[in-house]
Amino acid sequence: MTLVPAVEAAKLKVQGLTPHKLRHTAASLAIAVGADVKVIQLMLGHADASMTLNVYGHLWPDRLDEVADVLDIRRTAALEDEDRAA
């Protein structure tokens, strides 16, 4: 089944729907629910992860604060473990 009959059968009312737009939407939705770059690379059939990041990298959230917070929590816990062991 080609795209036009499939869109009509699904009763979608989307102007200008193309396979490329569906592909980009699928990648965007997967990233939004937490898929990492390797999952998206495999899903889209990209030769390597750098291609995926070049196209979709802007869709991954900035997680620097989250990573810093977790590192601080773990550092604090490790120091507390050392204090208890001493």
N, C-alpha and C. Protein backbone atom coordinates (compact mmCIF):
# COMPACT_ATOMS: atom_id res chain seq x y z
N MET A 1 0.86 -1.18 0.00
CA MET A 1 0.00 0.00 0.00
C MET A 1 0.90 1.24 0.00
N THR A 2 0.60 2.17 -0.86
CA THR A 2 1.37 3.41 -0.89
C THR A 2 0.85 4.38 0.16
N LEU A 3 1.53 5.49 0.33
CA LEU A 3 1.20 6.41 1.41
C LEU A 3 -0.19 7.01 1.28
N VAL A 4 -0.56 7.48 0.12
CA VAL A 4 -1.86 8.16 -0.03
C VAL A 4 -3.02 7.24 0.34
N PRO A 5 -3.12 6.03 -0.20
CA PRO A 5 -4.22 5.16 0.22
C PRO A 5 -4.16 4.82 1.71
N ALA A 6 -2.96 4.67 2.26
CA ALA A 6 -2.83 4.37 3.69
C ALA A 6 -3.33 5.53 4.54
N VAL A 7 -2.99 6.76 4.15
CA VAL A 7 -3.46 7.95 4.86
C VAL A 7 -4.98 8.05 4.76
N GLU A 8 -5.52 7.80 3.58
CA GLU A 8 -6.97 7.84 3.40
C GLU A 8 -7.65 6.75 4.22
N ALA A 9 -7.09 5.55 4.23
CA ALA A 9 -7.67 4.44 5.00
C ALA A 9 -7.65 4.73 6.49
N ALA A 10 -6.62 5.44 6.95
CA ALA A 10 -6.52 5.80 8.37
C ALA A 10 -7.36 7.02 8.70
N LYS A 11 -7.95 7.63 7.68
CA LYS A 11 -8.79 8.82 7.84
C LYS A 11 -8.02 9.97 8.50
N LEU A 12 -6.77 10.11 8.07
CA LEU A 12 -5.95 11.21 8.57
C LEU A 12 -6.21 12.45 7.73
N LYS A 13 -6.37 13.56 8.38
CA LYS A 13 -6.61 14.82 7.68
C LYS A 13 -5.37 15.71 7.84
N VAL A 14 -4.28 15.29 7.22
CA VAL A 14 -3.01 16.02 7.33
C VAL A 14 -2.57 16.41 5.92
N GLN A 15 -2.46 17.70 5.70
CA GLN A 15 -2.00 18.19 4.40
C GLN A 15 -0.49 18.02 4.28
N GLY A 16 -0.03 17.58 3.15
CA GLY A 16 1.40 17.50 2.88
C GLY A 16 2.13 16.41 3.62
N LEU A 17 1.43 15.38 4.06
CA LEU A 17 2.06 14.29 4.78
C LEU A 17 2.96 13.51 3.81
N THR A 18 4.21 13.32 4.19
CA THR A 18 5.16 12.59 3.35
C THR A 18 5.86 11.52 4.20
N PRO A 19 6.45 10.53 3.54
CA PRO A 19 7.22 9.54 4.31
C PRO A 19 8.33 10.19 5.13
N HIS A 20 8.97 11.22 4.59
CA HIS A 20 10.02 11.92 5.32
C HIS A 20 9.48 12.55 6.60
N LYS A 21 8.32 13.17 6.52
CA LYS A 21 7.72 13.79 7.71
C LYS A 21 7.33 12.73 8.74
N LEU A 22 6.83 11.59 8.27
CA LEU A 22 6.49 10.51 9.19
C LEU A 22 7.74 9.97 9.88
N ARG A 23 8.82 9.85 9.13
CA ARG A 23 10.09 9.36 9.67
C ARG A 23 10.61 10.32 10.74
N HIS A 24 10.58 11.63 10.42
CA HIS A 24 11.05 12.63 11.37
C HIS A 24 10.17 12.64 12.63
N THR A 25 8.87 12.50 12.45
CA THR A 25 7.95 12.45 13.58
C THR A 25 8.23 11.24 14.45
N ALA A 26 8.44 10.09 13.84
CA ALA A 26 8.74 8.88 14.60
C ALA A 26 10.01 9.05 15.42
N ALA A 27 11.05 9.62 14.81
CA ALA A 27 12.30 9.85 15.53
C ALA A 27 12.09 10.84 16.67
N SER A 28 11.37 11.91 16.40
CA SER A 28 11.11 12.94 17.42
C SER A 28 10.35 12.36 18.60
N LEU A 29 9.33 11.57 18.33
CA LEU A 29 8.54 10.96 19.41
C LEU A 29 9.37 9.98 20.22
N ALA A 30 10.21 9.20 19.55
CA ALA A 30 11.06 8.25 20.26
C ALA A 30 12.06 8.98 21.17
N ILE A 31 12.63 10.06 20.68
CA ILE A 31 13.55 10.86 21.50
C ILE A 31 12.81 11.44 22.70
N ALA A 32 11.61 11.92 22.47
CA ALA A 32 10.82 12.54 23.55
C ALA A 32 10.51 11.56 24.68
N VAL A 33 10.43 10.27 24.38
CA VAL A 33 10.15 9.29 25.43
C VAL A 33 11.42 8.63 25.96
N GLY A 34 12.58 9.17 25.56
CA GLY A 34 13.83 8.73 26.18
C GLY A 34 14.73 7.83 25.36
N ALA A 35 14.43 7.61 24.09
CA ALA A 35 15.32 6.77 23.27
C ALA A 35 16.68 7.44 23.12
N ASP A 36 17.73 6.64 23.23
CA ASP A 36 19.07 7.20 23.07
C ASP A 36 19.48 7.19 21.60
N VAL A 37 20.62 7.77 21.33
CA VAL A 37 21.06 7.96 19.94
C VAL A 37 21.23 6.64 19.20
N LYS A 38 21.69 5.59 19.89
CA LYS A 38 21.89 4.30 19.22
C LYS A 38 20.55 3.67 18.82
N VAL A 39 19.54 3.84 19.65
CA VAL A 39 18.21 3.32 19.30
C VAL A 39 17.68 4.02 18.05
N ILE A 40 17.80 5.34 18.04
CA ILE A 40 17.32 6.11 16.88
C ILE A 40 18.13 5.75 15.65
N GLN A 41 19.44 5.60 15.79
CA GLN A 41 20.28 5.21 14.65
C GLN A 41 19.79 3.89 14.05
N LEU A 42 19.55 2.90 14.90
CA LEU A 42 19.08 1.61 14.42
C LEU A 42 17.68 1.71 13.82
N MET A 43 16.82 2.48 14.47
CA MET A 43 15.45 2.63 13.99
C MET A 43 15.41 3.23 12.59
N LEU A 44 16.26 4.21 12.34
CA LEU A 44 16.25 4.91 11.06
C LEU A 44 17.21 4.31 10.03
N GLY A 45 18.05 3.39 10.46
CA GLY A 45 18.98 2.76 9.54
C GLY A 45 20.16 3.64 9.16
N HIS A 46 20.51 4.60 10.03
CA HIS A 46 21.68 5.44 9.75
C HIS A 46 22.95 4.61 9.86
N ALA A 47 23.93 4.93 9.04
CA ALA A 47 25.19 4.18 9.02
C ALA A 47 25.95 4.32 10.34
N ASP A 48 25.88 5.49 10.96
CA ASP A 48 26.55 5.69 12.24
C ASP A 48 25.80 6.72 13.07
N ALA A 49 26.14 6.76 14.36
CA ALA A 49 25.44 7.63 15.30
C ALA A 49 25.70 9.11 15.02
N SER A 50 26.84 9.43 14.41
CA SER A 50 27.12 10.85 14.13
C SER A 50 26.10 11.42 13.13
N MET A 51 25.66 10.60 12.19
CA MET A 51 24.65 11.07 11.24
C MET A 51 23.34 11.36 11.99
N THR A 52 22.97 10.46 12.89
CA THR A 52 21.76 10.65 13.69
C THR A 52 21.85 11.92 14.51
N LEU A 53 23.00 12.13 15.16
CA LEU A 53 23.18 13.33 15.99
C LEU A 53 23.18 14.60 15.14
N ASN A 54 23.75 14.54 13.95
CA ASN A 54 23.76 15.72 13.08
C ASN A 54 22.34 16.14 12.68
N VAL A 55 21.47 15.16 12.50
CA VAL A 55 20.10 15.46 12.06
C VAL A 55 19.17 15.74 13.24
N TYR A 56 19.29 14.96 14.31
CA TYR A 56 18.31 15.01 15.39
C TYR A 56 18.88 15.46 16.73
N GLY A 57 20.15 15.79 16.79
CA GLY A 57 20.79 16.14 18.06
C GLY A 57 20.09 17.25 18.82
N HIS A 58 19.51 18.20 18.11
CA HIS A 58 18.84 19.32 18.78
C HIS A 58 17.59 18.89 19.54
N LEU A 59 17.11 17.67 19.30
CA LEU A 59 15.89 17.20 19.96
C LEU A 59 16.15 16.56 21.32
N TRP A 60 17.40 16.18 21.60
CA TRP A 60 17.70 15.63 22.91
C TRP A 60 17.77 16.77 23.91
N PRO A 61 17.18 16.57 25.09
CA PRO A 61 17.16 17.64 26.08
C PRO A 61 18.54 17.92 26.66
N ASP A 62 18.73 19.13 27.11
CA ASP A 62 19.95 19.51 27.81
C ASP A 62 19.85 18.94 29.22
N ARG A 63 20.71 17.99 29.53
CA ARG A 63 20.62 17.30 30.82
C ARG A 63 21.82 17.59 31.71
N LEU A 64 22.55 18.65 31.43
CA LEU A 64 23.75 18.94 32.21
C LEU A 64 23.45 19.10 33.69
N ASP A 65 22.38 19.84 34.04
CA ASP A 65 22.03 20.03 35.45
C ASP A 65 21.66 18.70 36.11
N GLU A 66 20.92 17.87 35.39
CA GLU A 66 20.53 16.56 35.92
C GLU A 66 21.75 15.71 36.21
N VAL A 67 22.70 15.67 35.29
CA VAL A 67 23.91 14.88 35.47
C VAL A 67 24.74 15.43 36.64
N ALA A 68 24.87 16.75 36.71
CA ALA A 68 25.62 17.36 37.81
C ALA A 68 24.99 17.04 39.15
N ASP A 69 23.66 17.08 39.23
CA ASP A 69 22.96 16.77 40.49
C ASP A 69 23.21 15.32 40.92
N VAL A 70 23.13 14.38 39.98
CA VAL A 70 23.35 12.97 40.32
C VAL A 70 24.80 12.75 40.75
N LEU A 71 25.75 13.38 40.05
CA LEU A 71 27.15 13.24 40.45
C LEU A 71 27.38 13.78 41.85
N ASP A 72 26.76 14.90 42.18
CA ASP A 72 26.90 15.48 43.51
C ASP A 72 26.31 14.56 44.57
N ILE A 73 25.15 13.99 44.31
CA ILE A 73 24.52 13.07 45.26
C ILE A 73 25.41 11.85 45.50
N ARG A 74 25.95 11.31 44.43
CA ARG A 74 26.80 10.11 44.57
C ARG A 74 28.13 10.43 45.25
N ARG A 75 28.69 11.60 44.97
CA ARG A 75 29.93 12.01 45.65
C ARG A 75 29.68 12.14 47.14
N THR A 76 28.57 12.79 47.51
CA THR A 76 28.22 12.96 48.92
C THR A 76 28.03 11.61 49.60
N ALA A 77 27.34 10.70 48.94
CA ALA A 77 27.12 9.35 49.50
C ALA A 77 28.45 8.62 49.68
N ALA A 78 29.36 8.74 48.71
CA ALA A 78 30.65 8.07 48.81
C ALA A 78 31.46 8.63 49.98
N LEU A 79 31.41 9.93 50.18
CA LEU A 79 32.12 10.55 51.30
C LEU A 79 31.52 10.10 52.63
N GLU A 80 30.21 10.00 52.69
CA GLU A 80 29.55 9.53 53.91
C GLU A 80 29.91 8.08 54.20
N ASP A 81 30.02 7.25 53.16
CA ASP A 81 30.43 5.86 53.33
C ASP A 81 31.84 5.78 53.88
N GLU A 82 32.73 6.65 53.38
CA GLU A 82 34.11 6.68 53.88
C GLU A 82 34.15 7.07 55.36
N ASP A 83 33.33 8.06 55.73
CA ASP A 83 33.27 8.50 57.12
C ASP A 83 32.78 7.38 58.03
N ARG A 84 31.78 6.63 57.58
CA ARG A 84 31.26 5.52 58.40
C ARG A 84 32.29 4.41 58.53
N ALA A 85 33.07 4.17 57.50
CA ALA A 85 34.07 3.10 57.52
C ALA A 85 35.27 3.45 58.37
N ALA A 86 35.49 4.74 58.56
CA ALA A 86 36.68 5.17 59.32
C ALA A 86 36.53 5.00 60.80
